[in-house]
């Protein structure tokens, strides 16, 4: 099971926490975009299609979220751009 939480941490900033039985990640979200809404829309897309994605703008860089459904399994991947690796 995937767990997701999102909480405000300051004026214009939030942090998302995403975990499963094996790993956990904390990803900051800035005021530059509507990060929570974009994330929810991407997750909803997985139910109507087999994939969804969204982009969180950061200072600097961005986080590109990708969701892929195969049967009853969903893979979630957050990639920090530019070139800082997977979240």
N, C-alpha and C. Protein backbone atom coordinates (compact mmCIF):
# COMPACT_ATOMS: atom_id res chain seq x y z
N UNK A 1 0.83 -1.16 0.00
CA UNK A 1 0.00 0.00 0.00
C UNK A 1 0.89 1.24 0.00
N UNK A 2 0.50 2.24 -0.76
CA UNK A 2 1.21 3.51 -0.80
C UNK A 2 0.52 4.48 0.16
N UNK A 3 1.34 5.16 0.96
CA UNK A 3 0.83 6.18 1.87
C UNK A 3 1.31 7.54 1.38
N UNK A 4 0.41 8.53 1.45
CA UNK A 4 0.73 9.87 1.01
C UNK A 4 0.20 10.87 2.03
N UNK A 5 1.04 11.82 2.41
CA UNK A 5 0.58 12.93 3.25
C UNK A 5 1.13 14.22 2.67
N UNK A 6 0.43 15.30 2.94
CA UNK A 6 0.81 16.61 2.42
C UNK A 6 0.49 17.63 3.50
N UNK A 7 1.49 18.39 3.91
CA UNK A 7 1.22 19.37 4.95
C UNK A 7 1.96 20.67 4.66
N UNK A 8 1.32 21.76 5.05
CA UNK A 8 1.92 23.08 4.91
C UNK A 8 3.02 23.23 5.94
N UNK A 9 4.15 23.81 5.51
CA UNK A 9 5.28 23.98 6.41
C UNK A 9 5.65 25.44 6.61
N UNK A 10 5.07 26.32 5.85
CA UNK A 10 5.37 27.74 5.96
C UNK A 10 4.63 28.51 4.89
N UNK A 11 4.84 29.77 4.83
CA UNK A 11 4.15 30.61 3.85
C UNK A 11 4.56 30.20 2.43
N UNK A 12 3.63 29.55 1.73
CA UNK A 12 3.88 29.15 0.35
C UNK A 12 4.62 27.83 0.18
N UNK A 13 4.89 27.13 1.26
CA UNK A 13 5.65 25.89 1.17
C UNK A 13 4.91 24.74 1.84
N UNK A 14 5.15 23.55 1.33
CA UNK A 14 4.56 22.33 1.89
C UNK A 14 5.56 21.19 1.70
N UNK A 15 5.26 20.09 2.34
CA UNK A 15 6.08 18.89 2.14
C UNK A 15 5.15 17.71 1.94
N UNK A 16 5.47 16.90 0.95
CA UNK A 16 4.73 15.66 0.70
C UNK A 16 5.57 14.51 1.22
N UNK A 17 4.92 13.55 1.85
CA UNK A 17 5.60 12.33 2.29
C UNK A 17 4.92 11.16 1.61
N UNK A 18 5.72 10.36 0.95
CA UNK A 18 5.22 9.22 0.19
C UNK A 18 6.00 8.00 0.64
N UNK A 19 5.28 6.92 0.98
CA UNK A 19 5.98 5.72 1.44
C UNK A 19 5.21 4.47 1.07
N UNK A 20 5.93 3.36 1.10
CA UNK A 20 5.33 2.04 0.98
C UNK A 20 6.01 1.16 2.02
N UNK A 21 5.88 -0.13 1.92
CA UNK A 21 6.48 -1.03 2.90
C UNK A 21 8.01 -1.03 2.85
N UNK A 22 8.59 -0.54 1.75
CA UNK A 22 10.04 -0.64 1.56
C UNK A 22 10.78 0.69 1.62
N UNK A 23 10.15 1.77 1.25
CA UNK A 23 10.87 3.03 1.18
C UNK A 23 9.98 4.22 1.51
N UNK A 24 10.64 5.35 1.72
CA UNK A 24 9.94 6.58 2.08
C UNK A 24 10.67 7.76 1.46
N UNK A 25 9.91 8.79 1.05
CA UNK A 25 10.51 10.00 0.49
C UNK A 25 9.76 11.22 1.00
N UNK A 26 10.51 12.28 1.21
CA UNK A 26 9.94 13.59 1.59
C UNK A 26 10.28 14.55 0.46
N UNK A 27 9.25 15.15 -0.14
CA UNK A 27 9.44 16.01 -1.29
C UNK A 27 8.84 17.37 -1.00
N UNK A 28 9.63 18.44 -1.09
CA UNK A 28 9.08 19.78 -0.86
C UNK A 28 8.22 20.23 -2.04
N UNK A 29 7.25 21.07 -1.75
CA UNK A 29 6.40 21.66 -2.78
C UNK A 29 6.38 23.17 -2.54
N UNK A 30 6.53 23.95 -3.59
CA UNK A 30 6.59 25.40 -3.45
C UNK A 30 5.28 26.05 -3.89
N UNK A 31 5.22 27.34 -3.66
CA UNK A 31 4.07 28.17 -4.05
C UNK A 31 3.99 28.42 -5.55
N UNK A 32 4.97 27.95 -6.32
CA UNK A 32 5.02 28.23 -7.75
C UNK A 32 3.95 27.52 -8.56
N UNK A 33 3.32 26.50 -7.97
CA UNK A 33 2.27 25.77 -8.67
C UNK A 33 1.27 25.26 -7.64
N UNK A 34 0.15 24.75 -8.11
CA UNK A 34 -0.84 24.15 -7.21
C UNK A 34 -0.51 22.66 -7.10
N UNK A 35 0.52 22.37 -6.32
CA UNK A 35 1.11 21.04 -6.27
C UNK A 35 0.11 19.96 -5.85
N UNK A 36 -0.65 20.21 -4.81
CA UNK A 36 -1.58 19.18 -4.33
C UNK A 36 -2.66 18.89 -5.36
N UNK A 37 -3.24 19.92 -5.95
CA UNK A 37 -4.27 19.71 -6.98
C UNK A 37 -3.69 18.94 -8.16
N UNK A 38 -2.51 19.32 -8.61
CA UNK A 38 -1.89 18.64 -9.75
C UNK A 38 -1.62 17.17 -9.44
N UNK A 39 -1.19 16.89 -8.22
CA UNK A 39 -0.93 15.51 -7.80
C UNK A 39 -2.23 14.69 -7.81
N UNK A 40 -3.30 15.27 -7.25
CA UNK A 40 -4.59 14.57 -7.19
C UNK A 40 -5.10 14.29 -8.60
N UNK A 41 -5.00 15.24 -9.51
CA UNK A 41 -5.45 15.04 -10.89
C UNK A 41 -4.66 13.91 -11.54
N UNK A 42 -3.35 13.85 -11.31
CA UNK A 42 -2.53 12.78 -11.88
C UNK A 42 -2.95 11.41 -11.34
N UNK A 43 -3.23 11.34 -10.05
CA UNK A 43 -3.69 10.08 -9.46
C UNK A 43 -5.06 9.69 -10.02
N UNK A 44 -5.95 10.65 -10.18
CA UNK A 44 -7.26 10.37 -10.78
C UNK A 44 -7.11 9.83 -12.19
N UNK A 45 -6.15 10.35 -12.94
CA UNK A 45 -5.91 9.89 -14.31
C UNK A 45 -5.57 8.40 -14.35
N UNK A 46 -4.91 7.89 -13.32
CA UNK A 46 -4.55 6.47 -13.27
C UNK A 46 -5.80 5.59 -13.25
N UNK A 47 -6.89 6.10 -12.68
CA UNK A 47 -8.13 5.32 -12.62
C UNK A 47 -8.91 5.34 -13.93
N UNK A 48 -8.76 6.39 -14.73
CA UNK A 48 -9.48 6.47 -15.99
C UNK A 48 -8.61 6.06 -17.18
N UNK A 49 -7.31 6.09 -17.00
CA UNK A 49 -6.36 5.66 -18.02
C UNK A 49 -5.36 4.74 -17.31
N UNK A 50 -4.28 4.45 -17.91
CA UNK A 50 -3.29 3.61 -17.25
C UNK A 50 -2.10 4.40 -16.73
N UNK A 51 -2.14 5.72 -16.91
CA UNK A 51 -1.02 6.53 -16.43
C UNK A 51 -1.48 7.94 -16.11
N UNK A 52 -0.65 8.63 -15.36
CA UNK A 52 -0.88 10.03 -15.04
C UNK A 52 0.44 10.65 -14.68
N UNK A 53 0.54 11.96 -14.84
CA UNK A 53 1.76 12.64 -14.45
C UNK A 53 1.48 14.09 -14.14
N UNK A 54 2.37 14.67 -13.34
CA UNK A 54 2.28 16.08 -13.02
C UNK A 54 3.67 16.63 -12.75
N UNK A 55 3.77 17.94 -12.66
CA UNK A 55 5.03 18.62 -12.48
C UNK A 55 4.91 19.60 -11.32
N UNK A 56 5.82 19.52 -10.37
CA UNK A 56 5.89 20.49 -9.29
C UNK A 56 7.08 21.39 -9.55
N UNK A 57 6.83 22.68 -9.69
CA UNK A 57 7.91 23.64 -9.87
C UNK A 57 8.56 23.92 -8.52
N UNK A 58 9.87 23.97 -8.51
CA UNK A 58 10.65 24.21 -7.30
C UNK A 58 11.56 25.41 -7.50
N UNK A 59 12.26 25.78 -6.47
CA UNK A 59 13.25 26.84 -6.54
C UNK A 59 14.59 26.29 -6.08
N UNK A 60 15.49 25.90 -6.90
CA UNK A 60 15.38 25.76 -8.35
C UNK A 60 14.88 24.37 -8.73
N UNK A 61 14.65 24.18 -9.98
CA UNK A 61 14.31 22.86 -10.50
C UNK A 61 12.84 22.54 -10.44
N UNK A 62 12.55 21.23 -10.53
CA UNK A 62 11.17 20.74 -10.53
C UNK A 62 11.16 19.27 -10.19
N UNK A 63 10.00 18.80 -9.78
CA UNK A 63 9.79 17.38 -9.53
C UNK A 63 8.76 16.89 -10.53
N UNK A 64 9.11 15.89 -11.30
CA UNK A 64 8.20 15.32 -12.29
C UNK A 64 7.68 14.00 -11.73
N UNK A 65 6.38 13.95 -11.46
CA UNK A 65 5.72 12.76 -10.93
C UNK A 65 5.16 11.93 -12.08
N UNK A 66 5.37 10.62 -12.04
CA UNK A 66 4.82 9.71 -13.05
C UNK A 66 4.15 8.54 -12.34
N UNK A 67 2.93 8.25 -12.75
CA UNK A 67 2.16 7.13 -12.22
C UNK A 67 1.81 6.19 -13.36
N UNK A 68 2.01 4.91 -13.15
CA UNK A 68 1.71 3.91 -14.17
C UNK A 68 0.94 2.76 -13.53
N UNK A 69 -0.22 2.42 -14.10
CA UNK A 69 -1.02 1.31 -13.58
C UNK A 69 -0.89 0.12 -14.50
N UNK A 70 -0.65 -1.04 -13.88
CA UNK A 70 -0.64 -2.32 -14.59
C UNK A 70 -1.51 -3.26 -13.77
N UNK A 71 -2.71 -3.54 -14.26
CA UNK A 71 -3.66 -4.34 -13.49
C UNK A 71 -4.03 -3.62 -12.21
N UNK A 72 -3.82 -4.27 -11.07
CA UNK A 72 -4.16 -3.63 -9.80
C UNK A 72 -2.93 -3.01 -9.11
N UNK A 73 -1.81 -2.92 -9.80
CA UNK A 73 -0.59 -2.32 -9.25
C UNK A 73 -0.34 -0.93 -9.86
N UNK A 74 0.08 -0.01 -9.02
CA UNK A 74 0.43 1.33 -9.49
C UNK A 74 1.87 1.61 -9.10
N UNK A 75 2.66 2.04 -10.08
CA UNK A 75 4.02 2.45 -9.83
C UNK A 75 4.05 3.97 -9.78
N UNK A 76 4.69 4.51 -8.75
CA UNK A 76 4.82 5.96 -8.59
C UNK A 76 6.29 6.30 -8.60
N UNK A 77 6.64 7.31 -9.39
CA UNK A 77 8.04 7.71 -9.50
C UNK A 77 8.11 9.24 -9.46
N UNK A 78 8.94 9.77 -8.60
CA UNK A 78 9.19 11.21 -8.54
C UNK A 78 10.63 11.46 -8.95
N UNK A 79 10.83 12.28 -9.96
CA UNK A 79 12.17 12.56 -10.48
C UNK A 79 12.48 14.03 -10.30
N UNK A 80 13.58 14.31 -9.60
CA UNK A 80 14.05 15.69 -9.45
C UNK A 80 14.77 16.11 -10.72
N UNK A 81 14.46 17.29 -11.21
CA UNK A 81 15.12 17.84 -12.40
C UNK A 81 15.79 19.15 -12.02
N UNK A 82 16.88 19.54 -12.55
CA UNK A 82 17.66 18.82 -13.53
C UNK A 82 18.75 17.95 -12.87
N UNK A 83 18.83 16.73 -13.30
CA UNK A 83 19.92 15.83 -13.03
C UNK A 83 20.28 15.54 -11.59
N UNK A 84 19.35 15.65 -10.64
CA UNK A 84 19.72 15.34 -9.27
C UNK A 84 19.28 13.95 -8.86
N UNK A 85 18.65 13.19 -9.77
CA UNK A 85 18.33 11.79 -9.50
C UNK A 85 16.91 11.57 -9.04
N UNK A 86 16.61 10.31 -8.74
CA UNK A 86 15.27 9.94 -8.29
C UNK A 86 15.04 10.36 -6.86
N UNK A 87 13.79 10.60 -6.57
CA UNK A 87 13.37 10.89 -5.19
C UNK A 87 13.09 9.58 -4.50
